[in-house]
Amino acid sequence: MSGLEQLYQQIILEHSKQRSGEGLLDPQGQAAATNHQYNPTCGDEINLRVILSSDQKSIESISWEGDGCSISMAAASVLSDMAPGMSLTDFQALIDDFREMLRSRGQIQPDEEVLGDAAAFAGVSKFVARVKCAMLSWVAAEEASKEAAQASA
């Protein structure tokens, strides 16, 4: 295992143990939406809430509660760290880049400048059965952000 792969593995393990964003936050009147995703293959499950900023053009916070493997829980934690402050457009672009990397079966090297700690999931793309684990919270966030934006429009 290369040094980079070891670093990526360590990032995933740290995020799975010390989870950012865990525990659903009260939106306190701000535009928000909650989305539930379930992976019947392995039993991973997540409820994720996106709260928009007061101008409803960016992500205020992402919080979640869930149960699953270290990959799915770490992916939710990384997302909760990365998303706050991002415009909705940039947030969707991040999700699209993450999805493209995970679907590449290891053919796309992650751009750490774009993906930050989410680049740690590059190795997951080689294991098709684990891609959905990593994508679970990201799909929930994508759906919740769209729903929150529509509800506030």
Protein backbone atom coordinates (compact mmCIF):
# COMPACT_ATOMS: atom_id res chain seq x y z
CA MET A 1 0.00 0.00 0.00
CA SER A 2 1.42 3.37 -1.02
CA GLY A 3 1.85 6.26 1.39
CA LEU A 4 -1.05 8.08 -0.24
CA GLU A 5 -3.33 5.05 0.09
CA GLN A 6 -2.37 4.76 3.77
CA LEU A 7 -3.17 8.45 4.29
CA TYR A 8 -6.54 8.01 2.58
CA GLN A 9 -7.30 4.96 4.72
CA GLN A 10 -6.40 6.92 7.85
CA ILE A 11 -8.72 9.81 6.86
CA ILE A 12 -11.61 7.36 6.42
CA LEU A 13 -10.91 5.65 9.74
CA GLU A 14 -10.64 8.96 11.61
CA HIS A 15 -13.90 10.25 10.16
CA SER A 16 -15.70 6.98 10.93
CA LYS A 17 -14.64 7.20 14.59
CA GLN A 18 -14.89 10.96 15.22
CA ARG A 19 -17.88 11.89 13.10
CA SER A 20 -18.54 15.47 12.05
CA GLY A 21 -22.15 16.53 11.65
CA GLU A 22 -23.64 13.60 13.52
CA GLY A 23 -26.96 14.46 15.16
CA LEU A 24 -29.72 16.24 13.25
CA LEU A 25 -29.72 20.00 13.80
CA ASP A 26 -32.90 22.04 14.25
CA PRO A 27 -33.28 24.34 11.23
CA GLN A 28 -34.76 27.08 13.47
CA GLY A 29 -36.94 28.49 10.73
CA GLN A 30 -34.32 28.40 7.98
CA ALA A 31 -34.96 26.66 4.67
CA ALA A 32 -34.09 23.00 5.18
CA ALA A 33 -34.93 19.50 4.05
CA THR A 34 -34.22 16.02 5.34
CA ASN A 35 -33.66 12.99 3.15
CA HIS A 36 -33.52 9.31 4.07
CA GLN A 37 -31.42 6.82 2.13
CA TYR A 38 -31.08 3.09 2.68
CA ASN A 39 -28.75 0.57 1.09
CA PRO A 40 -30.59 -2.78 1.12
CA THR A 41 -27.44 -4.62 0.01
CA CYS A 42 -25.57 -3.99 3.26
CA GLY A 43 -28.09 -2.30 5.55
CA ASP A 44 -26.44 1.14 5.68
CA GLU A 45 -29.00 3.82 6.48
CA ILE A 46 -28.88 7.59 6.87
CA ASN A 47 -31.17 10.53 7.58
CA LEU A 48 -29.46 13.70 6.44
CA ARG A 49 -30.58 17.30 6.84
CA VAL A 50 -29.40 20.22 4.73
CA ILE A 51 -29.97 23.70 6.14
CA LEU A 52 -29.58 26.58 3.73
CA SER A 53 -28.09 29.96 4.58
CA SER A 54 -30.43 32.87 5.28
CA ASP A 55 -30.10 34.04 1.65
CA GLN A 56 -30.90 30.44 0.55
CA LYS A 57 -28.02 30.42 -1.93
CA SER A 58 -25.53 28.33 0.02
CA ILE A 59 -25.25 25.47 2.48
CA GLU A 60 -25.42 26.56 6.12
CA SER A 61 -24.95 23.07 7.55
CA ILE A 62 -25.31 19.37 6.98
CA SER A 63 -26.23 17.15 9.87
CA TRP A 64 -27.13 13.50 9.92
CA GLU A 65 -27.89 10.38 11.89
CA GLY A 66 -27.25 6.93 10.61
CA ASP A 67 -25.93 3.46 11.02
CA GLY A 68 -23.64 1.62 8.69
CA CYS A 69 -20.14 0.65 7.73
CA SER A 70 -17.12 2.85 8.31
CA ILE A 71 -17.12 3.94 4.66
CA SER A 72 -20.69 5.25 4.70
CA MET A 73 -20.32 6.96 8.08
CA ALA A 74 -16.97 8.51 7.13
CA ALA A 75 -18.41 9.79 3.84
CA ALA A 76 -21.22 11.55 5.74
CA SER A 77 -18.69 13.05 8.14
CA VAL A 78 -16.43 14.33 5.35
CA LEU A 79 -19.41 15.84 3.55
CA SER A 80 -20.57 17.58 6.75
CA ASP A 81 -17.12 19.18 7.06
CA MET A 82 -16.83 20.23 3.43
CA ALA A 83 -20.27 21.57 2.51
CA PRO A 84 -20.92 24.52 4.86
CA GLY A 85 -20.41 27.81 3.04
CA MET A 86 -20.56 26.30 -0.44
CA SER A 87 -22.96 27.81 -2.95
CA LEU A 88 -25.64 25.41 -4.14
CA THR A 89 -24.00 25.38 -7.58
CA ASP A 90 -20.55 24.56 -6.17
CA PHE A 91 -22.10 21.96 -3.89
CA GLN A 92 -23.74 20.17 -6.84
CA ALA A 93 -20.43 20.31 -8.74
CA LEU A 94 -18.67 18.70 -5.76
CA ILE A 95 -21.26 15.92 -5.66
CA ASP A 96 -20.89 15.39 -9.42
CA ASP A 97 -17.08 15.18 -9.12
CA PHE A 98 -17.33 12.74 -6.21
CA ARG A 99 -19.82 10.57 -8.11
CA GLU A 100 -17.63 10.58 -11.24
CA MET A 101 -14.57 9.52 -9.20
CA LEU A 102 -16.49 6.71 -7.49
CA ARG A 103 -17.95 5.39 -10.74
CA SER A 104 -14.56 5.36 -12.48
CA ARG A 105 -13.49 1.98 -11.07
CA GLY A 106 -10.14 3.52 -10.18
CA GLN A 107 -9.55 5.12 -13.59
CA ILE A 108 -9.92 8.72 -12.39
CA GLN A 109 -7.35 10.07 -10.00
CA PRO A 110 -8.97 12.46 -7.53
CA ASP A 111 -8.16 16.15 -7.62
CA GLU A 112 -7.48 16.91 -3.95
CA GLU A 113 -7.82 20.63 -4.65
CA VAL A 114 -11.45 20.01 -5.66
CA LEU A 115 -12.40 17.04 -3.47
CA GLY A 116 -10.38 17.71 -0.32
CA ASP A 117 -10.76 14.83 2.14
CA ALA A 118 -13.37 13.26 -0.13
CA ALA A 119 -10.44 12.22 -2.35
CA ALA A 120 -9.74 9.59 0.31
CA PHE A 121 -12.59 7.53 -1.14
CA ALA A 122 -10.81 7.04 -4.49
CA GLY A 123 -9.87 3.49 -3.54
CA VAL A 124 -13.52 2.64 -2.93
CA SER A 125 -14.18 3.05 -6.66
CA LYS A 126 -12.31 -0.21 -7.28
CA PHE A 127 -14.90 -2.10 -5.22
CA VAL A 128 -18.26 -1.76 -6.96
CA ALA A 129 -20.17 -3.18 -4.00
CA ARG A 130 -18.81 -0.38 -1.76
CA VAL A 131 -19.51 2.57 -4.07
CA LYS A 132 -23.10 2.85 -2.84
CA CYS A 133 -21.81 2.91 0.75
CA ALA A 134 -19.71 5.98 -0.01
CA MET A 135 -22.45 7.64 -2.09
CA LEU A 136 -25.31 7.13 0.39
CA SER A 137 -24.97 10.41 2.31
CA TRP A 138 -23.98 12.32 -0.81
CA VAL A 139 -27.17 11.22 -2.60
CA ALA A 140 -29.19 12.18 0.50
CA ALA A 141 -27.50 15.61 0.55
CA GLU A 142 -28.10 16.12 -3.16
CA GLU A 143 -31.80 15.36 -2.79
CA ALA A 144 -32.20 17.38 0.42
CA SER A 145 -30.42 20.44 -1.01
CA LYS A 146 -32.67 20.42 -4.08
CA GLU A 147 -35.78 20.00 -1.93
CA ALA A 148 -34.74 22.81 0.43
CA ALA A 149 -34.02 25.14 -2.51
CA GLN A 150 -37.39 24.36 -4.15
CA ALA A 151 -39.29 24.85 -0.91
CA SER A 152 -37.69 28.25 -0.38
CA ALA A 153 -38.30 29.43 -3.96
